Amino acid sequence: TVDAREEYSVEVICMAKRDLKAGERLDAMGGFMHYGICENSSVVHKERILVSGLAEGKRLLRDVAKDQPVHWTDVENIPSELDAMETAYFEFVRNQYNDEI
């Protein structure tokens, strides 16, 4: 979300709807594998949590327990049709936080 200062303040993060197993591929929002909750953008960036809008199609590298956040380190970073969106997202976040992701 962009606030009046034109900075991210809140993101919707990917949370496990059930116990997820390594090798499973995350389904679309509204599916059976994950749900979204709001979290402060600074926490999302610091903890490298996967945002819900970029979760679809990601294959899990490790198990994730029910009601736990899915982190970028939990998923395989594979090429997808979201590459342009992911690139734009990371570029914006890099510029906002002035560091590497």
PDB file of N, CA and C in Angstrom:
ATOM      1  N   THR A   1       0.841  -1.181   0.000  1.00  0.00           N
ATOM      2  CA  THR A   1       0.000   0.000   0.000  1.00  0.00           C
ATOM      3  C   THR A   1       0.882   1.238   0.000  1.00  0.00           C
ATOM      4  N   VAL A   2       0.496   2.225  -0.741  1.00  0.00           N
ATOM      5  CA  VAL A   2       1.231   3.482  -0.766  1.00  0.00           C
ATOM      6  C   VAL A   2       0.467   4.494   0.068  1.00  0.00           C
ATOM      7  N   ASP A   3       1.167   5.146   0.980  1.00  0.00           N
ATOM      8  CA  ASP A   3       0.501   6.149   1.808  1.00  0.00           C
ATOM      9  C   ASP A   3       0.749   7.538   1.227  1.00  0.00           C
ATOM     10  N   ALA A   4       0.373   8.555   1.950  1.00  0.00           N
ATOM     11  CA  ALA A   4       0.481   9.936   1.464  1.00  0.00           C
ATOM     12  C   ALA A   4       1.922  10.337   1.182  1.00  0.00           C
ATOM     13  N   ARG A   5       2.871   9.644   1.781  1.00  0.00           N
ATOM     14  CA  ARG A   5       4.280   9.953   1.558  1.00  0.00           C
ATOM     15  C   ARG A   5       4.846   9.203   0.354  1.00  0.00           C
ATOM     16  N   GLU A   6       3.988   8.464  -0.335  1.00  0.00           N
ATOM     17  CA  GLU A   6       4.373   7.663  -1.498  1.00  0.00           C
ATOM     18  C   GLU A   6       5.425   6.618  -1.147  1.00  0.00           C
ATOM     19  N   GLU A   7       5.303   6.034   0.029  1.00  0.00           N
ATOM     20  CA  GLU A   7       6.167   4.952   0.466  1.00  0.00           C
ATOM     21  C   GLU A   7       5.298   3.773   0.857  1.00  0.00           C
ATOM     22  N   TYR A   8       5.841   2.571   0.696  1.00  0.00           N
ATOM     23  CA  TYR A   8       5.128   1.405   1.203  1.00  0.00           C
ATOM     24  C   TYR A   8       5.039   1.512   2.711  1.00  0.00           C
ATOM     25  N   SER A   9       3.874   1.229   3.274  1.00  0.00           N
ATOM     26  CA  SER A   9       3.746   1.200   4.720  1.00  0.00           C
ATOM     27  C   SER A   9       3.255  -0.168   5.187  1.00  0.00           C
ATOM     28  N   VAL A  10       2.450  -0.827   4.363  1.00  0.00           N
ATOM     29  CA  VAL A  10       1.891  -2.137   4.697  1.00  0.00           C
ATOM     30  C   VAL A  10       1.929  -3.015   3.451  1.00  0.00           C
ATOM     31  N   GLU A  11       2.195  -4.299   3.656  1.00  0.00           N
ATOM     32  CA  GLU A  11       2.168  -5.279   2.567  1.00  0.00           C
ATOM     33  C   GLU A  11       1.261  -6.419   2.989  1.00  0.00           C
ATOM     34  N   VAL A  12       0.736  -7.154   2.024  1.00  0.00           N
ATOM     35  CA  VAL A  12      -0.043  -8.357   2.306  1.00  0.00           C
ATOM     36  C   VAL A  12       0.903  -9.532   2.119  1.00  0.00           C
ATOM     37  N   ILE A  13       1.131 -10.265   3.216  1.00  0.00           N
ATOM     38  CA  ILE A  13       2.100 -11.360   3.175  1.00  0.00           C
ATOM     39  C   ILE A  13       1.415 -12.711   3.011  1.00  0.00           C
ATOM     40  N   CYS A  14       2.193 -13.673   2.562  1.00  0.00           N
ATOM     41  CA  CYS A  14       1.734 -15.030   2.300  1.00  0.00           C
ATOM     42  C   CYS A  14       1.846 -15.863   3.574  1.00  0.00           C
ATOM     43  N   MET A  15       0.712 -16.363   4.062  1.00  0.00           N
ATOM     44  CA  MET A  15       0.662 -17.203   5.259  1.00  0.00           C
ATOM     45  C   MET A  15       0.140 -18.583   4.878  1.00  0.00           C
ATOM     46  N   ALA A  16       0.706 -19.631   5.463  1.00  0.00           N
ATOM     47  CA  ALA A  16       0.285 -21.010   5.170  1.00  0.00           C
ATOM     48  C   ALA A  16      -1.110 -21.260   5.733  1.00  0.00           C
ATOM     49  N   LYS A  17      -2.021 -21.647   4.860  1.00  0.00           N
ATOM     50  CA  LYS A  17      -3.396 -21.940   5.257  1.00  0.00           C
ATOM     51  C   LYS A  17      -3.494 -23.325   5.916  1.00  0.00           C
ATOM     52  N   ARG A  18      -2.550 -24.165   5.594  1.00  0.00           N
ATOM     53  CA  ARG A  18      -2.454 -25.518   6.145  1.00  0.00           C
ATOM     54  C   ARG A  18      -0.971 -25.854   6.198  1.00  0.00           C
ATOM     55  N   ASP A  19      -0.613 -26.993   6.772  1.00  0.00           N
ATOM     56  CA  ASP A  19       0.781 -27.416   6.727  1.00  0.00           C
ATOM     57  C   ASP A  19       1.156 -27.639   5.265  1.00  0.00           C
ATOM     58  N   LEU A  20       2.186 -26.950   4.820  1.00  0.00           N
ATOM     59  CA  LEU A  20       2.638 -27.054   3.432  1.00  0.00           C
ATOM     60  C   LEU A  20       3.906 -27.898   3.388  1.00  0.00           C
ATOM     61  N   LYS A  21       4.027 -28.709   2.347  1.00  0.00           N
ATOM     62  CA  LYS A  21       5.155 -29.626   2.207  1.00  0.00           C
ATOM     63  C   LYS A  21       6.109 -29.176   1.112  1.00  0.00           C
ATOM     64  N   ALA A  22       7.379 -29.410   1.324  1.00  0.00           N
ATOM     65  CA  ALA A  22       8.396 -29.125   0.310  1.00  0.00           C
ATOM     66  C   ALA A  22       8.008 -29.817  -0.987  1.00  0.00           C
ATOM     67  N   GLY A  23       8.195 -29.116  -2.103  1.00  0.00           N
ATOM     68  CA  GLY A  23       7.861 -29.659  -3.413  1.00  0.00           C
ATOM     69  C   GLY A  23       6.505 -29.217  -3.932  1.00  0.00           C
ATOM     70  N   GLU A  24       5.615 -28.786  -3.026  1.00  0.00           N
ATOM     71  CA  GLU A  24       4.303 -28.297  -3.469  1.00  0.00           C
ATOM     72  C   GLU A  24       4.479 -26.944  -4.141  1.00  0.00           C
ATOM     73  N   ARG A  25       3.604 -26.674  -5.100  1.00  0.00           N
ATOM     74  CA  ARG A  25       3.608 -25.389  -5.786  1.00  0.00           C
ATOM     75  C   ARG A  25       2.422 -24.572  -5.266  1.00  0.00           C
ATOM     76  N   LEU A  26       2.689 -23.329  -4.836  1.00  0.00           N
ATOM     77  CA  LEU A  26       1.632 -22.490  -4.255  1.00  0.00           C
ATOM     78  C   LEU A  26       0.568 -22.158  -5.291  1.00  0.00           C
ATOM     79  N   ASP A  27      -0.674 -22.233  -4.856  1.00  0.00           N
ATOM     80  CA  ASP A  27      -1.789 -21.921  -5.752  1.00  0.00           C
ATOM     81  C   ASP A  27      -2.085 -20.423  -5.727  1.00  0.00           C
ATOM     82  N   ALA A  28      -3.135 -20.031  -6.435  1.00  0.00           N
ATOM     83  CA  ALA A  28      -3.505 -18.620  -6.538  1.00  0.00           C
ATOM     84  C   ALA A  28      -4.157 -18.126  -5.246  1.00  0.00           C
ATOM     85  N   MET A  29      -4.204 -16.798  -5.096  1.00  0.00           N
ATOM     86  CA  MET A  29      -4.914 -16.215  -3.953  1.00  0.00           C
ATOM     87  C   MET A  29      -6.348 -16.720  -3.957  1.00  0.00           C
ATOM     88  N   GLY A  30      -6.859 -17.000  -2.775  1.00  0.00           N
ATOM     89  CA  GLY A  30      -8.213 -17.526  -2.654  1.00  0.00           C
ATOM     90  C   GLY A  30      -8.264 -19.034  -2.769  1.00  0.00           C
ATOM     91  N   GLY A  31      -7.113 -19.656  -2.956  1.00  0.00           N
ATOM     92  CA  GLY A  31      -7.041 -21.108  -3.083  1.00  0.00           C
ATOM     93  C   GLY A  31      -6.999 -21.796  -1.725  1.00  0.00           C
ATOM     94  N   PHE A  32      -6.367 -22.962  -1.703  1.00  0.00           N
ATOM     95  CA  PHE A  32      -6.385 -23.805  -0.514  1.00  0.00           C
ATOM     96  C   PHE A  32      -5.073 -23.832   0.257  1.00  0.00           C
ATOM     97  N   MET A  33      -4.049 -23.111  -0.230  1.00  0.00           N
ATOM     98  CA  MET A  33      -2.730 -23.251   0.369  1.00  0.00           C
ATOM     99  C   MET A  33      -2.264 -22.061   1.195  1.00  0.00           C
ATOM    100  N   HIS A  34      -2.676 -20.863   0.822  1.00  0.00           N
ATOM    101  CA  HIS A  34      -2.200 -19.689   1.557  1.00  0.00           C
ATOM    102  C   HIS A  34      -3.264 -18.607   1.613  1.00  0.00           C
ATOM    103  N   TYR A  35      -3.084 -17.717   2.588  1.00  0.00           N
ATOM    104  CA  TYR A  35      -3.960 -16.562   2.742  1.00  0.00           C
ATOM    105  C   TYR A  35      -3.073 -15.359   3.024  1.00  0.00           C
ATOM    106  N   GLY A  36      -3.639 -14.180   2.965  1.00  0.00           N
ATOM    107  CA  GLY A  36      -2.861 -12.973   3.181  1.00  0.00           C
ATOM    108  C   GLY A  36      -3.271 -12.232   4.438  1.00  0.00           C
ATOM    109  N   ILE A  37      -2.285 -11.653   5.100  1.00  0.00           N
ATOM    110  CA  ILE A  37      -2.542 -10.743   6.212  1.00  0.00           C
ATOM    111  C   ILE A  37      -1.638  -9.530   6.023  1.00  0.00           C
ATOM    112  N   CYS A  38      -2.015  -8.437   6.632  1.00  0.00           N
ATOM    113  CA  CYS A  38      -1.228  -7.208   6.531  1.00  0.00           C
ATOM    114  C   CYS A  38      -0.070  -7.236   7.524  1.00  0.00           C
ATOM    115  N   GLU A  39       1.065  -6.737   7.064  1.00  0.00           N
ATOM    116  CA  GLU A  39       2.243  -6.612   7.920  1.00  0.00           C
ATOM    117  C   GLU A  39       2.965  -5.333   7.532  1.00  0.00           C
ATOM    118  N   ASN A  40       3.611  -4.703   8.491  1.00  0.00           N
ATOM    119  CA  ASN A  40       4.374  -3.491   8.202  1.00  0.00           C
ATOM    120  C   ASN A  40       5.437  -3.795   7.152  1.00  0.00           C
ATOM    121  N   SER A  41       5.566  -2.907   6.198  1.00  0.00           N
ATOM    122  CA  SER A  41       6.507  -3.101   5.106  1.00  0.00           C
ATOM    123  C   SER A  41       7.939  -3.270   5.599  1.00  0.00           C
ATOM    124  N   SER A  42       8.313  -2.547   6.628  1.00  0.00           N
ATOM    125  CA  SER A  42       9.678  -2.666   7.150  1.00  0.00           C
ATOM    126  C   SER A  42       9.951  -4.070   7.683  1.00  0.00           C
ATOM    127  N   VAL A  43       8.967  -4.705   8.300  1.00  0.00           N
ATOM    128  CA  VAL A  43       9.111  -6.075   8.809  1.00  0.00           C
ATOM    129  C   VAL A  43       9.213  -7.049   7.634  1.00  0.00           C
ATOM    130  N   VAL A  44       8.367  -6.862   6.628  1.00  0.00           N
ATOM    131  CA  VAL A  44       8.376  -7.729   5.446  1.00  0.00           C
ATOM    132  C   VAL A  44       9.747  -7.693   4.789  1.00  0.00           C
ATOM    133  N   HIS A  45      10.304  -6.501   4.641  1.00  0.00           N
ATOM    134  CA  HIS A  45      11.613  -6.341   4.019  1.00  0.00           C
ATOM    135  C   HIS A  45      12.712  -6.975   4.875  1.00  0.00           C
ATOM    136  N   LYS A  46      12.704  -6.684   6.152  1.00  0.00           N
ATOM    137  CA  LYS A  46      13.739  -7.175   7.060  1.00  0.00           C
ATOM    138  C   LYS A  46      13.731  -8.701   7.162  1.00  0.00           C
ATOM    139  N   GLU A  47      12.536  -9.297   7.229  1.00  0.00           N
ATOM    140  CA  GLU A  47      12.415 -10.745   7.416  1.00  0.00           C
ATOM    141  C   GLU A  47      12.302 -11.510   6.102  1.00  0.00           C
ATOM    142  N   ARG A  48      12.323 -10.784   4.974  1.00  0.00           N
ATOM    143  CA  ARG A  48      12.267 -11.402   3.636  1.00  0.00           C
ATOM    144  C   ARG A  48      11.042 -12.304   3.473  1.00  0.00           C
ATOM    145  N   ILE A  49       9.875 -11.768   3.838  1.00  0.00           N
ATOM    146  CA  ILE A  49       8.624 -12.521   3.746  1.00  0.00           C
ATOM    147  C   ILE A  49       8.061 -12.373   2.341  1.00  0.00           C
ATOM    148  N   LEU A  50       7.556 -13.465   1.791  1.00  0.00           N
ATOM    149  CA  LEU A  50       6.955 -13.477   0.462  1.00  0.00           C
ATOM    150  C   LEU A  50       5.632 -12.717   0.486  1.00  0.00           C
ATOM    151  N   VAL A  51       5.449 -11.804  -0.436  1.00  0.00           N
ATOM    152  CA  VAL A  51       4.182 -11.077  -0.521  1.00  0.00           C
ATOM    153  C   VAL A  51       3.179 -11.921  -1.310  1.00  0.00           C
ATOM    154  N   SER A  52       1.911 -11.863  -0.916  1.00  0.00           N
ATOM    155  CA  SER A  52       0.882 -12.717  -1.500  1.00  0.00           C
ATOM    156  C   SER A  52       0.760 -12.575  -3.011  1.00  0.00           C
ATOM    157  N   GLY A  53       0.878 -11.362  -3.494  1.00  0.00           N
ATOM    158  CA  GLY A  53       0.697 -11.134  -4.925  1.00  0.00           C
ATOM    159  C   GLY A  53       1.745 -11.794  -5.800  1.00  0.00           C
ATOM    160  N   LEU A  54       2.855 -12.233  -5.206  1.00  0.00           N
ATOM    161  CA  LEU A  54       3.927 -12.879  -5.966  1.00  0.00           C
ATOM    162  C   LEU A  54       4.087 -14.355  -5.623  1.00  0.00           C
ATOM    163  N   ALA A  55       3.136 -14.926  -4.887  1.00  0.00           N
ATOM    164  CA  ALA A  55       3.265 -16.300  -4.401  1.00  0.00           C
ATOM    165  C   ALA A  55       2.841 -17.365  -5.417  1.00  0.00           C
ATOM    166  N   GLU A  56       1.884 -17.073  -6.248  1.00  0.00           N
ATOM    167  CA  GLU A  56       1.317 -18.082  -7.144  1.00  0.00           C
ATOM    168  C   GLU A  56       2.386 -18.742  -8.014  1.00  0.00           C
ATOM    169  N   GLY A  57       2.389 -20.061  -7.990  1.00  0.00           N
ATOM    170  CA  GLY A  57       3.299 -20.827  -8.821  1.00  0.00           C
ATOM    171  C   GLY A  57       4.655 -21.106  -8.208  1.00  0.00           C
ATOM    172  N   LYS A  58       4.963 -20.514  -7.077  1.00  0.00           N
ATOM    173  CA  LYS A  58       6.261 -20.742  -6.437  1.00  0.00           C
ATOM    174  C   LYS A  58       6.284 -22.149  -5.829  1.00  0.00           C
ATOM    175  N   ARG A  59       7.377 -22.886  -6.052  1.00  0.00           N
ATOM    176  CA  ARG A  59       7.537 -24.226  -5.491  1.00  0.00           C
ATOM    177  C   ARG A  59       8.279 -24.132  -4.166  1.00  0.00           C
ATOM    178  N   LEU A  60       7.735 -24.812  -3.157  1.00  0.00           N
ATOM    179  CA  LEU A  60       8.333 -24.781  -1.814  1.00  0.00           C
ATOM    180  C   LEU A  60       9.593 -25.627  -1.753  1.00  0.00           C
ATOM    181  N   LEU A  61      10.623 -25.092  -1.134  1.00  0.00           N
ATOM    182  CA  LEU A  61      11.884 -25.806  -0.925  1.00  0.00           C
ATOM    183  C   LEU A  61      11.899 -26.528   0.414  1.00  0.00           C
ATOM    184  N   ARG A  62      11.049 -26.087   1.339  1.00  0.00           N
ATOM    185  CA  ARG A  62      10.983 -26.701   2.667  1.00  0.00           C
ATOM    186  C   ARG A  62       9.546 -26.643   3.165  1.00  0.00           C
ATOM    187  N   ASP A  63       9.256 -27.416   4.193  1.00  0.00           N
ATOM    188  CA  ASP A  63       7.927 -27.414   4.805  1.00  0.00           C
ATOM    189  C   ASP A  63       7.685 -26.074   5.497  1.00  0.00           C
ATOM    190  N   VAL A  64       6.416 -25.643   5.488  1.00  0.00           N
ATOM    191  CA  VAL A  64       5.995 -24.444   6.206  1.00  0.00           C
ATOM    192  C   VAL A  64       4.758 -24.825   7.017  1.00  0.00           C
ATOM    193  N   ALA A  65       4.809 -24.594   8.318  1.00  0.00           N
ATOM    194  CA  ALA A  65       3.708 -24.960   9.210  1.00  0.00           C
ATOM    195  C   ALA A  65       2.504 -24.041   9.011  1.00  0.00           C
ATOM    196  N   LYS A  66       1.337 -24.574   9.286  1.00  0.00           N
ATOM    197  CA  LYS A  66       0.088 -23.818   9.202  1.00  0.00           C
ATOM    198  C   LYS A  66       0.195 -22.529  10.009  1.00  0.00           C
ATOM    199  N   ASP A  67      -0.336 -21.454   9.430  1.00  0.00           N
ATOM    200  CA  ASP A  67      -0.386 -20.121  10.046  1.00  0.00           C
ATOM    201  C   ASP A  67       0.989 -19.472  10.240  1.00  0.00           C
ATOM    202  N   GLN A  68       1.992 -19.959   9.534  1.00  0.00           N
ATOM    203  CA  GLN A  68       3.324 -19.342   9.546  1.00  0.00           C
ATOM    204  C   GLN A  68       3.549 -18.621   8.221  1.00  0.00           C
ATOM    205  N   PRO A  69       4.339 -17.539   8.236  1.00  0.00           N
ATOM    206  CA  PRO A  69       4.613 -16.841   6.977  1.00  0.00           C
ATOM    207  C   PRO A  69       5.532 -17.664   6.081  1.00  0.00           C
ATOM    208  N   VAL A  70       5.345 -17.494   4.777  1.00  0.00           N
ATOM    209  CA  VAL A  70       6.238 -18.101   3.793  1.00  0.00           C
ATOM    210  C   VAL A  70       7.287 -17.052   3.450  1.00  0.00           C
ATOM    211  N   HIS A  71       8.549 -17.421   3.554  1.00  0.00           N
ATOM    212  CA  HIS A  71       9.651 -16.498   3.271  1.00  0.00           C
ATOM    213  C   HIS A  71      10.204 -16.764   1.870  1.00  0.00           C
ATOM    214  N   TRP A  72      10.904 -15.762   1.334  1.00  0.00           N
ATOM    215  CA  TRP A  72      11.529 -15.930   0.024  1.00  0.00           C
ATOM    216  C   TRP A  72      12.491 -17.110   0.042  1.00  0.00           C
ATOM    217  N   THR A  73      13.119 -17.393   1.175  1.00  0.00           N
ATOM    218  CA  THR A  73      14.048 -18.519   1.260  1.00  0.00           C
ATOM    219  C   THR A  73      13.329 -19.861   1.285  1.00  0.00           C
ATOM    220  N   ASP A  74      12.009 -19.858   1.456  1.00  0.00           N
ATOM    221  CA  ASP A  74      11.217 -21.093   1.466  1.00  0.00           C
ATOM    222  C   ASP A  74      10.803 -21.529   0.060  1.00  0.00           C
ATOM    223  N   VAL A  75      10.984 -20.659  -0.929  1.00  0.00           N
ATOM    224  CA  VAL A  75      10.502 -20.972  -2.274  1.00  0.00           C
ATOM    225  C   VAL A  75      11.633 -20.928  -3.299  1.00  0.00           C
ATOM    226  N   GLU A  76      11.440 -21.714  -4.347  1.00  0.00           N
ATOM    227  CA  GLU A  76      12.372 -21.721  -5.461  1.00  0.00           C
ATOM    228  C   GLU A  76      12.100 -20.494  -6.311  1.00  0.00           C
ATOM    229  N   ASN A  77      13.129 -19.770  -6.645  1.00  0.00           N
ATOM    230  CA  ASN A  77      12.961 -18.579  -7.474  1.00  0.00           C
ATOM    231  C   ASN A  77      13.070 -18.992  -8.933  1.00  0.00           C
ATOM    232  N   ILE A  78      11.937 -19.374  -9.504  1.00  0.00           N
ATOM    233  CA  ILE A  78      11.898 -19.859 -10.880  1.00  0.00           C
ATOM    234  C   ILE A  78      11.353 -18.793 -11.810  1.00  0.00           C
ATOM    235  N   PRO A  79      11.757 -18.803 -13.060  1.00  0.00           N
ATOM    236  CA  PRO A  79      11.183 -17.848 -14.018  1.00  0.00           C
ATOM    237  C   PRO A  79       9.679 -18.074 -14.156  1.00  0.00           C
ATOM    238  N   SER A  80       8.948 -16.997 -14.247  1.00  0.00           N
ATOM    239  CA  SER A  80       7.496 -17.091 -14.411  1.00  0.00           C
ATOM    240  C   SER A  80       6.998 -15.858 -15.131  1.00  0.00           C
ATOM    241  N   GLU A  81       5.711 -15.848 -15.414  1.00  0.00           N
ATOM    242  CA  GLU A  81       5.130 -14.672 -16.060  1.00  0.00           C
ATOM    243  C   GLU A  81       5.118 -13.472 -15.129  1.00  0.00           C
ATOM    244  N   LEU A  82       5.424 -13.672 -13.862  1.00  0.00           N
ATOM    245  CA  LEU A  82       5.457 -12.572 -12.906  1.00  0.00           C
ATOM    246  C   LEU A  82       6.824 -11.900 -12.849  1.00  0.00           C
ATOM    247  N   ASP A  83       7.782 -12.366 -13.635  1.00  0.00           N
ATOM    248  CA  ASP A  83       9.131 -11.808 -13.551  1.00  0.00           C
ATOM    249  C   ASP A  83       9.160 -10.289 -13.644  1.00  0.00           C
ATOM    250  N   ALA A  84       8.428  -9.715 -14.588  1.00  0.00           N
ATOM    251  CA  ALA A  84       8.429  -8.255 -14.743  1.00  0.00           C
ATOM    252  C   ALA A  84       7.856  -7.585 -13.493  1.00  0.00           C
ATOM    253  N   MET A  85       6.788  -8.169 -12.931  1.00  0.00           N
ATOM    254  CA  MET A  85       6.181  -7.612 -11.733  1.00  0.00           C
ATOM    255  C   MET A  85       7.140  -7.743 -10.545  1.00  0.00           C
ATOM    256  N   GLU A  86       7.796  -8.895 -10.419  1.00  0.00           N
ATOM    257  CA  GLU A  86       8.745  -9.097  -9.332  1.00  0.00           C
ATOM    258  C   GLU A  86       9.911  -8.121  -9.448  1.00  0.00           C
ATOM    259  N   THR A  87      10.415  -7.946 -10.648  1.00  0.00           N
ATOM    260  CA  THR A  87      11.528  -7.019 -10.871  1.00  0.00           C
ATOM    261  C   THR A  87      11.131  -5.602 -10.467  1.00  0.00           C
ATOM    262  N   ALA A  88       9.950  -5.170 -10.886  1.00  0.00           N
ATOM    263  CA  ALA A  88       9.478  -3.831 -10.534  1.00  0.00           C
ATOM    264  C   ALA A  88       9.304  -3.687  -9.019  1.00  0.00           C
ATOM    265  N   TYR A  89       8.759  -4.726  -8.380  1.00  0.00           N
ATOM    266  CA  TYR A  89       8.561  -4.702  -6.928  1.00  0.00           C
ATOM    267  C   TYR A  89       9.905  -4.554  -6.208  1.00  0.00           C
ATOM    268  N   PHE A  90      10.876  -5.406  -6.575  1.00  0.00           N
ATOM    269  CA  PHE A  90      12.162  -5.358  -5.900  1.00  0.00           C
ATOM    270  C   PHE A  90      12.903  -4.056  -6.171  1.00  0.00           C
ATOM    271  N   GLU A  91      12.780  -3.519  -7.353  1.00  0.00           N
ATOM    272  CA  GLU A  91      13.420  -2.240  -7.666  1.00  0.00           C
ATOM    273  C   GLU A  91      12.843  -1.122  -6.796  1.00  0.00           C
ATOM    274  N   PHE A  92      11.509  -1.116  -6.631  1.00  0.00           N
ATOM    275  CA  PHE A  92      10.868  -0.116  -5.789  1.00  0.00           C
ATOM    276  C   PHE A  92      11.332  -0.247  -4.337  1.00  0.00           C
ATOM    277  N   VAL A  93      11.364  -1.486  -3.839  1.00  0.00           N
ATOM    278  CA  VAL A  93      11.764  -1.717  -2.452  1.00  0.00           C
ATOM    279  C   VAL A  93      13.229  -1.340  -2.258  1.00  0.00           C
ATOM    280  N   ARG A  94      14.094  -1.699  -3.205  1.00  0.00           N
ATOM    281  CA  ARG A  94      15.508  -1.330  -3.115  1.00  0.00           C
ATOM    282  C   ARG A  94      15.674   0.177  -3.021  1.00  0.00           C
ATOM    283  N   ASN A  95      14.932   0.886  -3.852  1.00  0.00           N
ATOM    284  CA  ASN A  95      15.017   2.359  -3.837  1.00  0.00           C
ATOM    285  C   ASN A  95      14.509   2.930  -2.528  1.00  0.00           C
ATOM    286  N   GLN A  96      13.457   2.320  -1.980  1.00  0.00           N
ATOM    287  CA  GLN A  96      12.895   2.828  -0.730  1.00  0.00           C
ATOM    288  C   GLN A  96      13.849   2.580   0.440  1.00  0.00           C
ATOM    289  N   TYR A  97      14.459   1.416   0.483  1.00  0.00           N
ATOM    290  CA  TYR A  97      15.306   1.056   1.621  1.00  0.00           C
ATOM    291  C   TYR A  97      16.785   1.264   1.354  1.00  0.00           C
ATOM    292  N   ASN A  98      17.135   1.657   0.135  1.00  0.00           N
ATOM    293  CA  ASN A  98      18.515   1.971  -0.233  1.00  0.00           C
ATOM    294  C   ASN A  98      19.493   0.843   0.090  1.00  0.00           C
ATOM    295  N   ASP A  99      19.080  -0.396  -0.198  1.00  0.00           N
ATOM    296  CA  ASP A  99      20.002  -1.507  -0.004  1.00  0.00           C
ATOM    297  C   ASP A  99      19.631  -2.669  -0.911  1.00  0.00           C
ATOM    298  N   GLU A 100      20.367  -3.736  -0.772  1.00  0.00           N
ATOM    299  CA  GLU A 100      20.140  -4.944  -1.554  1.00  0.00           C
ATOM    300  C   GLU A 100      19.081  -5.799  -0.908  1.00  0.00           C
ATOM    301  N   ILE A 101      18.324  -6.494  -1.729  1.00  0.00           N
ATOM    302  CA  ILE A 101      17.342  -7.464  -1.217  1.00  0.00           C
ATOM    303  C   ILE A 101      17.959  -8.832  -1.314  1.00  0.00           C
TER     304      ILE A 101
END
